[in-house]
Amino acid sequence: MFGKIGMSELVVVLIIALVIFGPSKLPEIGKAFGKALGEFRTHAKKISEDIEKDTNEL
């Protein structure tokens, strides 16, 4: 219930972002957010692989 964002909440967040940043900045913000999320996933996967490798060596 608390972990999911519904369509209405997403629309409200997007409208607030549009008002705060304006239409010209939203694509840049989206691109930066996507890049950061991709880097986070890459590092999280590497950490997970390292932990699994270390536990298998024991």
Protein backbone atom coordinates (compact mmCIF):
# COMPACT_ATOMS: atom_id res chain seq x y z
CA MET A 1 0.00 0.00 0.00
CA PHE A 2 2.68 2.51 1.01
CA GLY A 3 5.36 1.25 -1.38
CA LYS A 4 3.50 1.92 -4.61
CA ILE A 5 2.85 5.22 -6.33
CA GLY A 6 -0.49 5.48 -8.06
CA MET A 7 -1.25 7.33 -11.25
CA SER A 8 -2.83 10.29 -9.44
CA GLU A 9 0.21 10.75 -7.19
CA LEU A 10 2.53 10.59 -10.19
CA VAL A 11 0.50 13.25 -12.00
CA VAL A 12 0.62 15.55 -8.95
CA VAL A 13 4.40 15.14 -8.67
CA LEU A 14 4.86 15.87 -12.38
CA ILE A 15 2.67 18.98 -12.20
CA ILE A 16 4.61 20.28 -9.20
CA ALA A 17 7.91 19.61 -10.98
CA LEU A 18 6.62 21.42 -14.07
CA VAL A 19 5.64 24.46 -12.02
CA ILE A 20 8.91 24.55 -10.06
CA PHE A 21 11.43 23.85 -12.84
CA GLY A 22 9.57 24.82 -16.00
CA PRO A 23 9.18 22.84 -19.21
CA SER A 24 12.70 23.53 -20.49
CA LYS A 25 14.48 21.97 -17.48
CA LEU A 26 12.38 18.81 -17.12
CA PRO A 27 14.16 16.80 -19.86
CA GLU A 28 17.56 17.66 -18.34
CA ILE A 29 16.39 16.65 -14.87
CA GLY A 30 14.93 13.41 -16.21
CA LYS A 31 18.14 12.56 -18.02
CA ALA A 32 20.25 13.25 -14.94
CA PHE A 33 17.91 11.20 -12.75
CA GLY A 34 18.00 8.29 -15.19
CA LYS A 35 21.79 8.37 -15.36
CA ALA A 36 22.08 8.46 -11.57
CA LEU A 37 19.64 5.58 -11.22
CA GLY A 38 21.60 3.53 -13.75
CA GLU A 39 24.87 4.15 -11.91
CA PHE A 40 23.24 3.22 -8.61
CA ARG A 41 21.98 -0.07 -10.05
CA THR A 42 25.40 -0.86 -11.50
CA HIS A 43 27.16 -0.25 -8.20
CA ALA A 44 24.51 -2.11 -6.21
CA LYS A 45 24.89 -5.12 -8.53
CA LYS A 46 28.67 -5.04 -8.17
CA ILE A 47 28.44 -4.90 -4.37
CA SER A 48 25.97 -7.77 -4.40
CA GLU A 49 28.29 -9.85 -6.61
CA ASP A 50 31.27 -9.08 -4.35
CA ILE A 51 29.35 -10.13 -1.25
CA GLU A 52 28.19 -13.35 -2.93
CA LYS A 53 31.73 -14.08 -4.08
CA ASP A 54 33.11 -13.52 -0.57
CA THR A 55 30.50 -15.74 1.07
CA ASN A 56 31.18 -18.55 -1.43
CA GLU A 57 34.90 -18.45 -0.64
CA LEU A 58 34.27 -19.26 3.03
